[in-house]
């Protein structure tokens, strides 16, 4: 178990090994879920994707324009676990 010290300003500094274990890097955000009996669950906040973030993701990365048949074939291969 890791013990952390709270400063007079209510701040806590996590040791590097704790952050690595949680998969948290500088600039990342942390989620804290408050649980009953004064407990909490801490985890790395993972950004959720939105359709707005997906649209145009690959824009201007290729000159090829795929047909609907090519897109459907690639999708089927992806779902089948083939490349």
PDB file of N, CA and C in Angstrom:
ATOM      1  N   UNK A   1       0.848  -1.181   0.000  1.00  0.00           N
ATOM      2  CA  UNK A   1       0.000   0.000   0.000  1.00  0.00           C
ATOM      3  C   UNK A   1       0.889   1.237   0.000  1.00  0.00           C
ATOM      4  N   UNK A   2       0.493   2.232  -0.761  1.00  0.00           N
ATOM      5  CA  UNK A   2       1.226   3.489  -0.838  1.00  0.00           C
ATOM      6  C   UNK A   2       0.525   4.524   0.023  1.00  0.00           C
ATOM      7  N   UNK A   3       1.305   5.232   0.841  1.00  0.00           N
ATOM      8  CA  UNK A   3       0.771   6.294   1.687  1.00  0.00           C
ATOM      9  C   UNK A   3       1.223   7.635   1.133  1.00  0.00           C
ATOM     10  N   UNK A   4       0.278   8.545   0.965  1.00  0.00           N
ATOM     11  CA  UNK A   4       0.568   9.877   0.443  1.00  0.00           C
ATOM     12  C   UNK A   4       0.282  10.910   1.518  1.00  0.00           C
ATOM     13  N   UNK A   5       0.961  12.035   1.461  1.00  0.00           N
ATOM     14  CA  UNK A   5       0.788  13.107   2.435  1.00  0.00           C
ATOM     15  C   UNK A   5       0.041  14.263   1.796  1.00  0.00           C
ATOM     16  N   UNK A   6      -0.946  14.792   2.499  1.00  0.00           N
ATOM     17  CA  UNK A   6      -1.724  15.932   2.028  1.00  0.00           C
ATOM     18  C   UNK A   6      -1.074  17.204   2.567  1.00  0.00           C
ATOM     19  N   UNK A   7      -0.854  18.192   1.672  1.00  0.00           N
ATOM     20  CA  UNK A   7      -0.244  19.452   2.095  1.00  0.00           C
ATOM     21  C   UNK A   7      -1.295  20.331   2.771  1.00  0.00           C
ATOM     22  N   UNK A   8      -0.856  21.444   3.329  1.00  0.00           N
ATOM     23  CA  UNK A   8      -1.754  22.394   3.978  1.00  0.00           C
ATOM     24  C   UNK A   8      -2.761  22.970   2.978  1.00  0.00           C
ATOM     25  N   UNK A   9      -2.416  22.967   1.704  1.00  0.00           N
ATOM     26  CA  UNK A   9      -3.315  23.483   0.662  1.00  0.00           C
ATOM     27  C   UNK A   9      -4.247  22.391   0.139  1.00  0.00           C
ATOM     28  N   UNK A  10      -4.178  21.195   0.703  1.00  0.00           N
ATOM     29  CA  UNK A  10      -5.054  20.108   0.286  1.00  0.00           C
ATOM     30  C   UNK A  10      -4.573  19.384  -0.961  1.00  0.00           C
ATOM     31  N   UNK A  11      -3.301  19.507  -1.277  1.00  0.00           N
ATOM     32  CA  UNK A  11      -2.762  18.880  -2.477  1.00  0.00           C
ATOM     33  C   UNK A  11      -1.997  17.608  -2.121  1.00  0.00           C
ATOM     34  N   UNK A  12      -1.965  16.693  -3.092  1.00  0.00           N
ATOM     35  CA  UNK A  12      -1.255  15.430  -2.925  1.00  0.00           C
ATOM     36  C   UNK A  12      -0.339  15.243  -4.128  1.00  0.00           C
ATOM     37  N   UNK A  13       0.871  14.796  -3.895  1.00  0.00           N
ATOM     38  CA  UNK A  13       1.796  14.491  -4.975  1.00  0.00           C
ATOM     39  C   UNK A  13       1.932  12.984  -5.072  1.00  0.00           C
ATOM     40  N   UNK A  14       1.697  12.457  -6.279  1.00  0.00           N
ATOM     41  CA  UNK A  14       1.821  11.018  -6.497  1.00  0.00           C
ATOM     42  C   UNK A  14       3.239  10.698  -6.944  1.00  0.00           C
ATOM     43  N   UNK A  15       3.768   9.615  -6.424  1.00  0.00           N
ATOM     44  CA  UNK A  15       5.098   9.177  -6.825  1.00  0.00           C
ATOM     45  C   UNK A  15       5.051   8.652  -8.254  1.00  0.00           C
ATOM     46  N   UNK A  16       6.198   8.699  -8.917  1.00  0.00           N
ATOM     47  CA  UNK A  16       6.291   8.293 -10.314  1.00  0.00           C
ATOM     48  C   UNK A  16       5.840   6.852 -10.526  1.00  0.00           C
ATOM     49  N   UNK A  17       6.183   5.953  -9.605  1.00  0.00           N
ATOM     50  CA  UNK A  17       5.796   4.543  -9.776  1.00  0.00           C
ATOM     51  C   UNK A  17       4.274   4.358  -9.691  1.00  0.00           C
ATOM     52  N   UNK A  18       3.611   5.182  -8.898  1.00  0.00           N
ATOM     53  CA  UNK A  18       2.150   5.114  -8.790  1.00  0.00           C
ATOM     54  C   UNK A  18       1.517   5.591 -10.097  1.00  0.00           C
ATOM     55  N   UNK A  19       2.018   6.702 -10.625  1.00  0.00           N
ATOM     56  CA  UNK A  19       1.483   7.225 -11.881  1.00  0.00           C
ATOM     57  C   UNK A  19       1.717   6.249 -13.031  1.00  0.00           C
ATOM     58  N   UNK A  20       2.876   5.623 -13.061  1.00  0.00           N
ATOM     59  CA  UNK A  20       3.163   4.631 -14.104  1.00  0.00           C
ATOM     60  C   UNK A  20       2.220   3.447 -13.981  1.00  0.00           C
ATOM     61  N   UNK A  21       1.954   3.000 -12.769  1.00  0.00           N
ATOM     62  CA  UNK A  21       1.039   1.878 -12.552  1.00  0.00           C
ATOM     63  C   UNK A  21      -0.364   2.202 -13.058  1.00  0.00           C
ATOM     64  N   UNK A  22      -0.782   3.446 -12.877  1.00  0.00           N
ATOM     65  CA  UNK A  22      -2.107   3.882 -13.315  1.00  0.00           C
ATOM     66  C   UNK A  22      -2.141   4.251 -14.799  1.00  0.00           C
ATOM     67  N   UNK A  23      -0.971   4.306 -15.432  1.00  0.00           N
ATOM     68  CA  UNK A  23      -0.917   4.680 -16.839  1.00  0.00           C
ATOM     69  C   UNK A  23      -1.135   6.163 -17.066  1.00  0.00           C
ATOM     70  N   UNK A  24      -0.751   6.971 -16.094  1.00  0.00           N
ATOM     71  CA  UNK A  24      -0.966   8.420 -16.165  1.00  0.00           C
ATOM     72  C   UNK A  24       0.346   9.106 -16.518  1.00  0.00           C
ATOM     73  N   UNK A  25       0.277   9.985 -17.532  1.00  0.00           N
ATOM     74  CA  UNK A  25       1.446  10.728 -17.981  1.00  0.00           C
ATOM     75  C   UNK A  25       1.215  12.217 -17.730  1.00  0.00           C
ATOM     76  N   UNK A  26       2.280  13.015 -17.759  1.00  0.00           N
ATOM     77  CA  UNK A  26       2.105  14.460 -17.559  1.00  0.00           C
ATOM     78  C   UNK A  26       1.067  15.027 -18.522  1.00  0.00           C
ATOM     79  N   UNK A  27       0.164  15.825 -18.009  1.00  0.00           N
ATOM     80  CA  UNK A  27      -0.892  16.428 -18.807  1.00  0.00           C
ATOM     81  C   UNK A  27      -2.184  15.625 -18.822  1.00  0.00           C
ATOM     82  N   UNK A  28      -2.115  14.346 -18.394  1.00  0.00           N
ATOM     83  CA  UNK A  28      -3.325  13.518 -18.338  1.00  0.00           C
ATOM     84  C   UNK A  28      -4.220  13.970 -17.195  1.00  0.00           C
ATOM     85  N   UNK A  29      -5.454  13.547 -17.251  1.00  0.00           N
ATOM     86  CA  UNK A  29      -6.406  13.846 -16.182  1.00  0.00           C
ATOM     87  C   UNK A  29      -6.690  12.576 -15.392  1.00  0.00           C
ATOM     88  N   UNK A  30      -7.124  12.756 -14.149  1.00  0.00           N
ATOM     89  CA  UNK A  30      -7.421  11.652 -13.234  1.00  0.00           C
ATOM     90  C   UNK A  30      -8.875  11.746 -12.812  1.00  0.00           C
ATOM     91  N   UNK A  31      -9.548  10.593 -12.753  1.00  0.00           N
ATOM     92  CA  UNK A  31     -10.926  10.544 -12.250  1.00  0.00           C
ATOM     93  C   UNK A  31     -10.917   9.950 -10.850  1.00  0.00           C
ATOM     94  N   UNK A  32     -11.715  10.518  -9.975  1.00  0.00           N
ATOM     95  CA  UNK A  32     -11.873  10.009  -8.621  1.00  0.00           C
ATOM     96  C   UNK A  32     -13.344   9.753  -8.383  1.00  0.00           C
ATOM     97  N   UNK A  33     -13.698   8.497  -8.182  1.00  0.00           N
ATOM     98  CA  UNK A  33     -15.073   8.135  -7.844  1.00  0.00           C
ATOM     99  C   UNK A  33     -15.166   7.991  -6.332  1.00  0.00           C
ATOM    100  N   UNK A  34     -16.068   8.751  -5.719  1.00  0.00           N
ATOM    101  CA  UNK A  34     -16.252   8.673  -4.275  1.00  0.00           C
ATOM    102  C   UNK A  34     -17.156   7.491  -3.950  1.00  0.00           C
ATOM    103  N   UNK A  35     -16.696   6.634  -3.046  1.00  0.00           N
ATOM    104  CA  UNK A  35     -17.413   5.424  -2.657  1.00  0.00           C
ATOM    105  C   UNK A  35     -17.880   5.542  -1.214  1.00  0.00           C
ATOM    106  N   UNK A  36     -18.768   4.667  -0.778  1.00  0.00           N
ATOM    107  CA  UNK A  36     -19.226   4.701   0.615  1.00  0.00           C
ATOM    108  C   UNK A  36     -18.074   4.469   1.604  1.00  0.00           C
ATOM    109  N   UNK A  37     -18.310   4.826   2.834  1.00  0.00           N
ATOM    110  CA  UNK A  37     -17.360   4.591   3.939  1.00  0.00           C
ATOM    111  C   UNK A  37     -16.046   5.334   3.778  1.00  0.00           C
ATOM    112  N   UNK A  38     -16.077   6.521   3.169  1.00  0.00           N
ATOM    113  CA  UNK A  38     -14.877   7.348   3.060  1.00  0.00           C
ATOM    114  C   UNK A  38     -13.834   6.816   2.097  1.00  0.00           C
ATOM    115  N   UNK A  39     -14.233   5.954   1.176  1.00  0.00           N
ATOM    116  CA  UNK A  39     -13.279   5.390   0.218  1.00  0.00           C
ATOM    117  C   UNK A  39     -13.436   6.077  -1.128  1.00  0.00           C
ATOM    118  N   UNK A  40     -12.439   5.907  -1.977  1.00  0.00           N
ATOM    119  CA  UNK A  40     -12.488   6.456  -3.319  1.00  0.00           C
ATOM    120  C   UNK A  40     -11.767   5.532  -4.282  1.00  0.00           C
ATOM    121  N   UNK A  41     -12.133   5.616  -5.543  1.00  0.00           N
ATOM    122  CA  UNK A  41     -11.459   4.828  -6.573  1.00  0.00           C
ATOM    123  C   UNK A  41     -10.844   5.813  -7.555  1.00  0.00           C
ATOM    124  N   UNK A  42      -9.542   5.686  -7.751  1.00  0.00           N
ATOM    125  CA  UNK A  42      -8.784   6.590  -8.594  1.00  0.00           C
ATOM    126  C   UNK A  42      -8.397   5.863  -9.871  1.00  0.00           C
ATOM    127  N   UNK A  43      -8.553   6.538 -11.028  1.00  0.00           N
ATOM    128  CA  UNK A  43      -8.136   5.936 -12.295  1.00  0.00           C
ATOM    129  C   UNK A  43      -7.821   7.038 -13.297  1.00  0.00           C
ATOM    130  N   UNK A  44      -7.085   6.667 -14.321  1.00  0.00           N
ATOM    131  CA  UNK A  44      -6.767   7.609 -15.382  1.00  0.00           C
ATOM    132  C   UNK A  44      -8.042   7.909 -16.154  1.00  0.00           C
ATOM    133  N   UNK A  45      -8.265   9.173 -16.436  1.00  0.00           N
ATOM    134  CA  UNK A  45      -9.432   9.563 -17.235  1.00  0.00           C
ATOM    135  C   UNK A  45      -9.105   9.277 -18.690  1.00  0.00           C
ATOM    136  N   UNK A  46      -9.957   8.535 -19.343  1.00  0.00           N
ATOM    137  CA  UNK A  46      -9.764   8.210 -20.750  1.00  0.00           C
ATOM    138  C   UNK A  46     -10.755   9.027 -21.561  1.00  0.00           C
ATOM    139  N   UNK A  47     -10.237   9.814 -22.499  1.00  0.00           N
ATOM    140  CA  UNK A  47     -11.156  10.623 -23.297  1.00  0.00           C
ATOM    141  C   UNK A  47     -12.083   9.740 -24.117  1.00  0.00           C
ATOM    142  N   UNK A  48     -13.327  10.151 -24.205  1.00  0.00           N
ATOM    143  CA  UNK A  48     -14.282   9.414 -25.020  1.00  0.00           C
ATOM    144  C   UNK A  48     -14.325  10.045 -26.395  1.00  0.00           C
ATOM    145  N   UNK A  49     -14.414   9.203 -27.397  1.00  0.00           N
ATOM    146  CA  UNK A  49     -14.464   9.693 -28.759  1.00  0.00           C
ATOM    147  C   UNK A  49     -15.852  10.171 -29.118  1.00  0.00           C
ATOM    148  N   UNK A  50     -15.916  11.107 -30.010  1.00  0.00           N
ATOM    149  CA  UNK A  50     -17.191  11.596 -30.518  1.00  0.00           C
ATOM    150  C   UNK A  50     -17.169  11.478 -32.039  1.00  0.00           C
ATOM    151  N   UNK A  51     -18.302  11.474 -32.637  1.00  0.00           N
ATOM    152  CA  UNK A  51     -18.375  11.408 -34.092  1.00  0.00           C
ATOM    153  C   UNK A  51     -17.741  12.651 -34.706  1.00  0.00           C
ATOM    154  N   UNK A  52     -17.852  13.789 -34.030  1.00  0.00           N
ATOM    155  CA  UNK A  52     -17.226  15.017 -34.535  1.00  0.00           C
ATOM    156  C   UNK A  52     -15.708  14.884 -34.583  1.00  0.00           C
ATOM    157  N   UNK A  53     -15.140  14.189 -33.609  1.00  0.00           N
ATOM    158  CA  UNK A  53     -13.703  13.977 -33.603  1.00  0.00           C
ATOM    159  C   UNK A  53     -13.259  12.967 -34.641  1.00  0.00           C
ATOM    160  N   UNK A  54     -14.164  12.103 -35.062  1.00  0.00           N
ATOM    161  CA  UNK A  54     -13.843  11.071 -36.043  1.00  0.00           C
ATOM    162  C   UNK A  54     -13.936  11.587 -37.474  1.00  0.00           C
ATOM    163  N   UNK A  55     -14.937  12.416 -37.722  1.00  0.00           N
ATOM    164  CA  UNK A  55     -15.151  12.920 -39.082  1.00  0.00           C
ATOM    165  C   UNK A  55     -13.950  13.773 -39.499  1.00  0.00           C
ATOM    166  N   UNK A  56     -13.404  13.449 -40.630  1.00  0.00           N
ATOM    167  CA  UNK A  56     -12.267  14.198 -41.147  1.00  0.00           C
ATOM    168  C   UNK A  56     -10.939  13.775 -40.561  1.00  0.00           C
ATOM    169  N   UNK A  57     -10.927  12.706 -39.766  1.00  0.00           N
ATOM    170  CA  UNK A  57      -9.706  12.261 -39.103  1.00  0.00           C
ATOM    171  C   UNK A  57      -8.591  11.974 -40.105  1.00  0.00           C
ATOM    172  N   UNK A  58      -8.943  11.399 -41.236  1.00  0.00           N
ATOM    173  CA  UNK A  58      -7.943  11.028 -42.227  1.00  0.00           C
ATOM    174  C   UNK A  58      -7.916  11.966 -43.437  1.00  0.00           C
ATOM    175  N   UNK A  59      -8.566  13.095 -43.321  1.00  0.00           N
ATOM    176  CA  UNK A  59      -8.640  14.030 -44.439  1.00  0.00           C
ATOM    177  C   UNK A  59      -7.242  14.454 -44.877  1.00  0.00           C
ATOM    178  N   UNK A  60      -7.043  14.540 -46.182  1.00  0.00           N
ATOM    179  CA  UNK A  60      -5.790  14.992 -46.794  1.00  0.00           C
ATOM    180  C   UNK A  60      -4.604  14.074 -46.516  1.00  0.00           C
ATOM    181  N   UNK A  61      -4.853  12.821 -46.154  1.00  0.00           N
ATOM    182  CA  UNK A  61      -3.752  11.885 -45.915  1.00  0.00           C
ATOM    183  C   UNK A  61      -3.512  10.972 -47.114  1.00  0.00           C
ATOM    184  N   UNK A  62      -4.404  10.991 -48.075  1.00  0.00           N
ATOM    185  CA  UNK A  62      -4.249  10.163 -49.265  1.00  0.00           C
ATOM    186  C   UNK A  62      -4.989  10.806 -50.426  1.00  0.00           C
ATOM    187  N   UNK A  63      -4.591  10.438 -51.611  1.00  0.00           N
ATOM    188  CA  UNK A  63      -5.277  10.916 -52.803  1.00  0.00           C
ATOM    189  C   UNK A  63      -6.302   9.898 -53.293  1.00  0.00           C
ATOM    190  N   UNK A  64      -6.247   8.653 -52.744  1.00  0.00           N
ATOM    191  CA  UNK A  64      -7.136   7.587 -53.181  1.00  0.00           C
ATOM    192  C   UNK A  64      -8.544   7.813 -52.640  1.00  0.00           C
ATOM    193  N   UNK A  65      -9.511   7.583 -53.500  1.00  0.00           N
ATOM    194  CA  UNK A  65     -10.914   7.637 -53.097  1.00  0.00           C
ATOM    195  C   UNK A  65     -11.449   6.214 -53.201  1.00  0.00           C
ATOM    196  N   UNK A  66     -11.871   5.653 -52.081  1.00  0.00           N
ATOM    197  CA  UNK A  66     -12.359   4.275 -52.059  1.00  0.00           C
ATOM    198  C   UNK A  66     -13.815   4.226 -52.504  1.00  0.00           C
ATOM    199  N   UNK A  67     -14.131   3.143 -53.202  1.00  0.00           N
ATOM    200  CA  UNK A  67     -15.523   2.917 -53.580  1.00  0.00           C
ATOM    201  C   UNK A  67     -16.256   2.318 -52.390  1.00  0.00           C
ATOM    202  N   UNK A  68     -17.569   2.317 -52.422  1.00  0.00           N
ATOM    203  CA  UNK A  68     -18.345   1.726 -51.333  1.00  0.00           C
ATOM    204  C   UNK A  68     -18.053   0.239 -51.220  1.00  0.00           C
ATOM    205  N   UNK A  69     -17.789  -0.415 -52.343  1.00  0.00           N
ATOM    206  CA  UNK A  69     -17.452  -1.840 -52.315  1.00  0.00           C
ATOM    207  C   UNK A  69     -16.123  -2.072 -51.601  1.00  0.00           C
ATOM    208  N   UNK A  70     -15.133  -1.214 -51.867  1.00  0.00           N
ATOM    209  CA  UNK A  70     -13.828  -1.330 -51.200  1.00  0.00           C
ATOM    210  C   UNK A  70     -13.960  -1.062 -49.700  1.00  0.00           C
ATOM    211  N   UNK A  71     -14.770  -0.089 -49.352  1.00  0.00           N
ATOM    212  CA  UNK A  71     -14.989   0.220 -47.932  1.00  0.00           C
ATOM    213  C   UNK A  71     -15.666  -0.953 -47.236  1.00  0.00           C
ATOM    214  N   UNK A  72     -16.694  -1.534 -47.871  1.00  0.00           N
ATOM    215  CA  UNK A  72     -17.386  -2.687 -47.291  1.00  0.00           C
ATOM    216  C   UNK A  72     -16.455  -3.880 -47.137  1.00  0.00           C
ATOM    217  N   UNK A  73     -15.603  -4.129 -48.141  1.00  0.00           N
ATOM    218  CA  UNK A  73     -14.650  -5.249 -48.061  1.00  0.00           C
ATOM    219  C   UNK A  73     -13.651  -5.025 -46.921  1.00  0.00           C
ATOM    220  N   UNK A  74     -13.136  -3.829 -46.785  1.00  0.00           N
ATOM    221  CA  UNK A  74     -12.186  -3.521 -45.722  1.00  0.00           C
ATOM    222  C   UNK A  74     -12.838  -3.654 -44.355  1.00  0.00           C
ATOM    223  N   UNK A  75     -14.091  -3.233 -44.244  1.00  0.00           N
ATOM    224  CA  UNK A  75     -14.829  -3.357 -42.996  1.00  0.00           C
ATOM    225  C   UNK A  75     -15.034  -4.814 -42.627  1.00  0.00           C
ATOM    226  N   UNK A  76     -15.413  -5.620 -43.605  1.00  0.00           N
ATOM    227  CA  UNK A  76     -15.627  -7.054 -43.352  1.00  0.00           C
ATOM    228  C   UNK A  76     -14.343  -7.730 -42.911  1.00  0.00           C
ATOM    229  N   UNK A  77     -13.231  -7.380 -43.542  1.00  0.00           N
ATOM    230  CA  UNK A  77     -11.946  -7.960 -43.150  1.00  0.00           C
ATOM    231  C   UNK A  77     -11.562  -7.532 -41.723  1.00  0.00           C
ATOM    232  N   UNK A  78     -11.815  -6.276 -41.402  1.00  0.00           N
ATOM    233  CA  UNK A  78     -11.513  -5.797 -40.053  1.00  0.00           C
ATOM    234  C   UNK A  78     -12.306  -6.526 -38.994  1.00  0.00           C
ATOM    235  N   UNK A  79     -13.598  -6.742 -39.250  1.00  0.00           N
ATOM    236  CA  UNK A  79     -14.439  -7.457 -38.294  1.00  0.00           C
ATOM    237  C   UNK A  79     -14.021  -8.918 -38.184  1.00  0.00           C
ATOM    238  N   UNK A  80     -13.480  -9.485 -39.263  1.00  0.00           N
ATOM    239  CA  UNK A  80     -13.046 -10.883 -39.257  1.00  0.00           C
ATOM    240  C   UNK A  80     -11.657 -11.023 -38.633  1.00  0.00           C
ATOM    241  N   UNK A  81     -11.011  -9.897 -38.293  1.00  0.00           N
ATOM    242  CA  UNK A  81      -9.679  -9.945 -37.679  1.00  0.00           C
ATOM    243  C   UNK A  81      -8.574 -10.118 -38.699  1.00  0.00           C
ATOM    244  N   UNK A  82      -8.850  -9.836 -39.960  1.00  0.00           N
ATOM    245  CA  UNK A  82      -7.855  -9.939 -41.028  1.00  0.00           C
ATOM    246  C   UNK A  82      -7.387  -8.546 -41.423  1.00  0.00           C
ATOM    247  N   UNK A  83      -6.188  -8.502 -41.982  1.00  0.00           N
ATOM    248  CA  UNK A  83      -5.669  -7.203 -42.421  1.00  0.00           C
ATOM    249  C   UNK A  83      -5.705  -7.092 -43.906  1.00  0.00           C
TER     250      UNK A  83
END
